[in-house]
């Protein structure tokens, strides 16, 4: 069993992006299983990425172009983002 108190792994790599750079998602931290628990991105305007097997349930997401903060209330297989503020 994985240690639930293990320190998060710091990330500094793009997780999702496109060739013209108009939107992207960067991971900040991942849990011991490699799922992202903290991320940020630009260009989504309320439509955050829902790619399976990337975001842990409870992942915090900062939408940098609007300053909005989101949390994944869905699952790892099907992320569903809830606006906090």
N, C-alpha and C. Protein backbone atom coordinates (compact mmCIF):
# COMPACT_ATOMS: atom_id res chain seq x y z
N UNK A 1 0.84 -1.18 0.00
CA UNK A 1 0.00 0.00 0.00
C UNK A 1 0.88 1.24 0.00
N UNK A 2 0.51 2.22 -0.80
CA UNK A 2 1.26 3.48 -0.87
C UNK A 2 1.09 4.26 0.43
N UNK A 3 2.12 4.97 0.81
CA UNK A 3 2.09 5.79 2.02
C UNK A 3 1.20 7.00 1.79
N UNK A 4 0.08 7.14 2.52
CA UNK A 4 -0.80 8.28 2.30
C UNK A 4 -0.19 9.60 2.76
N UNK A 5 0.90 9.52 3.51
CA UNK A 5 1.56 10.72 4.00
C UNK A 5 2.82 11.06 3.22
N UNK A 6 3.05 10.37 2.11
CA UNK A 6 4.23 10.62 1.30
C UNK A 6 4.18 12.04 0.74
N UNK A 7 5.34 12.66 0.64
CA UNK A 7 5.40 14.01 0.10
C UNK A 7 5.05 14.00 -1.38
N UNK A 8 4.44 15.07 -1.82
CA UNK A 8 4.10 15.21 -3.23
C UNK A 8 5.36 15.41 -4.05
N UNK A 9 5.30 15.00 -5.28
CA UNK A 9 6.40 15.19 -6.21
C UNK A 9 6.19 16.50 -6.95
N UNK A 10 7.22 17.33 -6.99
CA UNK A 10 7.14 18.61 -7.69
C UNK A 10 7.28 18.38 -9.19
N UNK A 11 6.42 19.03 -9.96
CA UNK A 11 6.45 18.92 -11.41
C UNK A 11 6.73 20.28 -12.03
N UNK A 12 7.26 20.28 -13.21
CA UNK A 12 7.46 21.51 -13.96
C UNK A 12 7.39 21.21 -15.45
N UNK A 13 6.43 20.40 -15.83
CA UNK A 13 6.31 19.98 -17.22
C UNK A 13 4.90 20.20 -17.73
N UNK A 14 4.76 20.51 -19.01
CA UNK A 14 3.42 20.62 -19.59
C UNK A 14 2.74 19.25 -19.60
N UNK A 15 1.49 19.20 -19.23
CA UNK A 15 0.73 17.96 -19.25
C UNK A 15 -0.10 17.86 -20.50
N UNK A 16 -0.72 18.98 -20.87
CA UNK A 16 -1.60 19.05 -22.03
C UNK A 16 -1.31 20.38 -22.71
N UNK A 17 -1.24 20.41 -24.01
CA UNK A 17 -1.00 21.67 -24.70
C UNK A 17 -1.30 21.54 -26.18
N UNK A 18 -1.11 22.63 -26.89
CA UNK A 18 -1.27 22.57 -28.33
C UNK A 18 -0.09 23.29 -29.00
N UNK A 19 0.04 23.09 -30.26
CA UNK A 19 1.20 23.57 -30.99
C UNK A 19 1.34 25.09 -31.01
N UNK A 20 0.23 25.81 -31.01
CA UNK A 20 0.34 27.27 -31.11
C UNK A 20 0.46 27.94 -29.75
N UNK A 21 0.41 27.14 -28.66
CA UNK A 21 0.64 27.69 -27.33
C UNK A 21 -0.48 28.56 -26.79
N UNK A 22 -1.67 28.51 -27.39
CA UNK A 22 -2.76 29.35 -26.89
C UNK A 22 -3.41 28.78 -25.64
N UNK A 23 -3.27 27.50 -25.40
CA UNK A 23 -3.71 26.95 -24.12
C UNK A 23 -2.77 25.82 -23.71
N UNK A 24 -2.71 25.61 -22.43
CA UNK A 24 -1.85 24.56 -21.91
C UNK A 24 -2.26 24.25 -20.48
N UNK A 25 -1.79 23.15 -19.98
CA UNK A 25 -1.94 22.80 -18.57
C UNK A 25 -0.57 22.38 -18.06
N UNK A 26 -0.18 22.95 -16.97
CA UNK A 26 1.09 22.61 -16.33
C UNK A 26 0.79 21.95 -14.99
N UNK A 27 1.48 20.88 -14.69
CA UNK A 27 1.34 20.25 -13.39
C UNK A 27 2.33 20.86 -12.41
N UNK A 28 1.88 21.11 -11.19
CA UNK A 28 2.76 21.61 -10.13
C UNK A 28 3.24 20.49 -9.24
N UNK A 29 2.30 19.63 -8.82
CA UNK A 29 2.62 18.54 -7.91
C UNK A 29 1.83 17.30 -8.29
N UNK A 30 2.43 16.15 -7.99
CA UNK A 30 1.76 14.88 -8.21
C UNK A 30 1.81 14.07 -6.92
N UNK A 31 0.82 13.19 -6.76
CA UNK A 31 0.83 12.32 -5.58
C UNK A 31 1.77 11.14 -5.81
N UNK A 32 1.82 10.22 -4.86
CA UNK A 32 2.74 9.10 -4.94
C UNK A 32 2.41 8.15 -6.08
N UNK A 33 1.21 8.24 -6.65
CA UNK A 33 0.85 7.39 -7.78
C UNK A 33 1.13 8.08 -9.12
N UNK A 34 1.56 9.34 -9.09
CA UNK A 34 1.85 10.07 -10.31
C UNK A 34 0.70 10.90 -10.83
N UNK A 35 -0.45 10.89 -10.15
CA UNK A 35 -1.59 11.71 -10.57
C UNK A 35 -1.40 13.14 -10.07
N UNK A 36 -1.76 14.10 -10.90
CA UNK A 36 -1.58 15.51 -10.59
C UNK A 36 -2.55 15.95 -9.49
N UNK A 37 -2.02 16.64 -8.47
CA UNK A 37 -2.85 17.16 -7.39
C UNK A 37 -2.89 18.68 -7.38
N UNK A 38 -2.05 19.32 -8.19
CA UNK A 38 -2.04 20.77 -8.30
C UNK A 38 -1.57 21.14 -9.71
N UNK A 39 -2.37 21.97 -10.39
CA UNK A 39 -2.07 22.32 -11.78
C UNK A 39 -2.50 23.74 -12.06
N UNK A 40 -2.01 24.28 -13.18
CA UNK A 40 -2.44 25.59 -13.63
C UNK A 40 -2.42 25.63 -15.15
N UNK A 41 -3.17 26.57 -15.72
CA UNK A 41 -3.22 26.67 -17.16
C UNK A 41 -3.87 27.96 -17.62
N UNK A 42 -3.83 28.18 -18.92
CA UNK A 42 -4.35 29.39 -19.53
C UNK A 42 -5.18 29.03 -20.76
N UNK A 43 -6.17 29.87 -21.06
CA UNK A 43 -6.90 29.74 -22.32
C UNK A 43 -8.12 28.87 -22.31
N UNK A 44 -8.52 28.35 -21.15
CA UNK A 44 -9.66 27.46 -21.13
C UNK A 44 -10.98 28.18 -20.92
N UNK A 45 -10.98 29.30 -20.23
CA UNK A 45 -12.18 30.13 -20.00
C UNK A 45 -13.37 29.29 -19.56
N UNK A 46 -13.21 28.53 -18.51
CA UNK A 46 -14.31 27.77 -17.95
C UNK A 46 -14.46 26.37 -18.48
N UNK A 47 -13.64 25.96 -19.42
CA UNK A 47 -13.70 24.61 -19.95
C UNK A 47 -12.35 23.96 -19.73
N UNK A 48 -12.16 23.36 -18.57
CA UNK A 48 -10.88 22.77 -18.22
C UNK A 48 -10.72 21.38 -18.82
N UNK A 49 -9.48 20.90 -18.90
CA UNK A 49 -9.23 19.59 -19.53
C UNK A 49 -9.85 18.45 -18.72
N UNK A 50 -10.38 17.49 -19.42
CA UNK A 50 -11.01 16.34 -18.78
C UNK A 50 -10.36 15.03 -19.22
N UNK A 51 -9.11 15.10 -19.60
CA UNK A 51 -8.36 13.92 -20.02
C UNK A 51 -8.26 12.93 -18.86
N UNK A 52 -8.55 11.66 -19.11
CA UNK A 52 -8.52 10.63 -18.08
C UNK A 52 -7.09 10.32 -17.65
N UNK A 53 -6.96 9.86 -16.42
CA UNK A 53 -5.72 9.35 -15.84
C UNK A 53 -4.61 10.39 -15.69
N UNK A 54 -4.98 11.66 -15.51
CA UNK A 54 -4.00 12.72 -15.27
C UNK A 54 -4.24 13.38 -13.93
N UNK A 55 -5.49 13.75 -13.64
CA UNK A 55 -5.82 14.54 -12.45
C UNK A 55 -6.44 13.69 -11.34
N UNK A 56 -5.89 13.80 -10.14
CA UNK A 56 -6.43 13.13 -8.97
C UNK A 56 -7.74 13.81 -8.55
N UNK A 57 -8.67 13.04 -7.99
CA UNK A 57 -9.86 13.66 -7.42
C UNK A 57 -9.39 14.62 -6.34
N UNK A 58 -9.91 15.84 -6.33
CA UNK A 58 -9.48 16.86 -5.39
C UNK A 58 -8.35 17.73 -5.91
N UNK A 59 -7.89 17.48 -7.13
CA UNK A 59 -6.83 18.29 -7.73
C UNK A 59 -7.25 19.76 -7.78
N UNK A 60 -6.36 20.64 -7.37
CA UNK A 60 -6.60 22.09 -7.44
C UNK A 60 -6.07 22.60 -8.77
N UNK A 61 -6.84 23.47 -9.43
CA UNK A 61 -6.46 24.00 -10.74
C UNK A 61 -6.64 25.52 -10.73
N UNK A 62 -5.57 26.23 -11.06
CA UNK A 62 -5.63 27.69 -11.18
C UNK A 62 -5.68 28.04 -12.66
N UNK A 63 -6.75 28.68 -13.07
CA UNK A 63 -6.90 29.14 -14.46
C UNK A 63 -6.26 30.52 -14.53
N UNK A 64 -5.05 30.58 -15.05
CA UNK A 64 -4.24 31.80 -14.94
C UNK A 64 -4.74 32.97 -15.76
N UNK A 65 -5.50 32.73 -16.81
CA UNK A 65 -5.98 33.86 -17.61
C UNK A 65 -7.18 34.55 -16.98
N UNK A 66 -7.89 33.88 -16.07
CA UNK A 66 -9.05 34.49 -15.42
C UNK A 66 -8.87 34.64 -13.91
N UNK A 67 -7.88 33.94 -13.35
CA UNK A 67 -7.68 33.96 -11.90
C UNK A 67 -8.63 33.04 -11.16
N UNK A 68 -9.39 32.25 -11.88
CA UNK A 68 -10.35 31.34 -11.25
C UNK A 68 -9.65 30.12 -10.66
N UNK A 69 -10.19 29.63 -9.55
CA UNK A 69 -9.69 28.43 -8.90
C UNK A 69 -10.74 27.33 -9.00
N UNK A 70 -10.30 26.15 -9.37
CA UNK A 70 -11.19 25.01 -9.58
C UNK A 70 -10.70 23.82 -8.77
N UNK A 71 -11.59 22.87 -8.53
CA UNK A 71 -11.24 21.61 -7.89
C UNK A 71 -11.92 20.47 -8.65
N UNK A 72 -11.21 19.36 -8.80
CA UNK A 72 -11.78 18.19 -9.48
C UNK A 72 -12.68 17.46 -8.50
N UNK A 73 -13.99 17.53 -8.73
CA UNK A 73 -14.96 16.82 -7.90
C UNK A 73 -15.40 15.52 -8.56
N UNK A 74 -14.85 15.25 -9.74
CA UNK A 74 -15.14 14.00 -10.45
C UNK A 74 -14.19 12.92 -10.00
N UNK A 75 -13.78 12.10 -10.93
CA UNK A 75 -12.86 11.02 -10.65
C UNK A 75 -11.60 11.19 -11.48
N UNK A 76 -10.65 10.31 -11.25
CA UNK A 76 -9.44 10.32 -12.07
C UNK A 76 -9.80 9.97 -13.52
N UNK A 77 -10.71 9.02 -13.69
CA UNK A 77 -11.11 8.59 -15.03
C UNK A 77 -11.96 9.62 -15.76
N UNK A 78 -12.69 10.44 -14.99
CA UNK A 78 -13.59 11.42 -15.58
C UNK A 78 -13.60 12.69 -14.74
N UNK A 79 -12.57 13.55 -14.93
CA UNK A 79 -12.51 14.79 -14.14
C UNK A 79 -13.72 15.69 -14.39
N UNK A 80 -14.20 16.29 -13.34
CA UNK A 80 -15.31 17.23 -13.41
C UNK A 80 -14.91 18.41 -12.52
N UNK A 81 -14.79 19.57 -13.11
CA UNK A 81 -14.25 20.74 -12.39
C UNK A 81 -15.36 21.59 -11.80
N UNK A 82 -15.17 21.94 -10.54
CA UNK A 82 -16.10 22.81 -9.81
C UNK A 82 -15.40 24.13 -9.50
N UNK A 83 -16.02 25.24 -9.86
CA UNK A 83 -15.45 26.56 -9.63
C UNK A 83 -15.52 26.89 -8.13
N UNK A 84 -14.38 27.22 -7.54
CA UNK A 84 -14.34 27.65 -6.15
C UNK A 84 -14.54 29.16 -6.09
N UNK A 85 -13.74 29.91 -6.88
CA UNK A 85 -13.88 31.36 -7.02
C UNK A 85 -13.06 31.84 -8.17
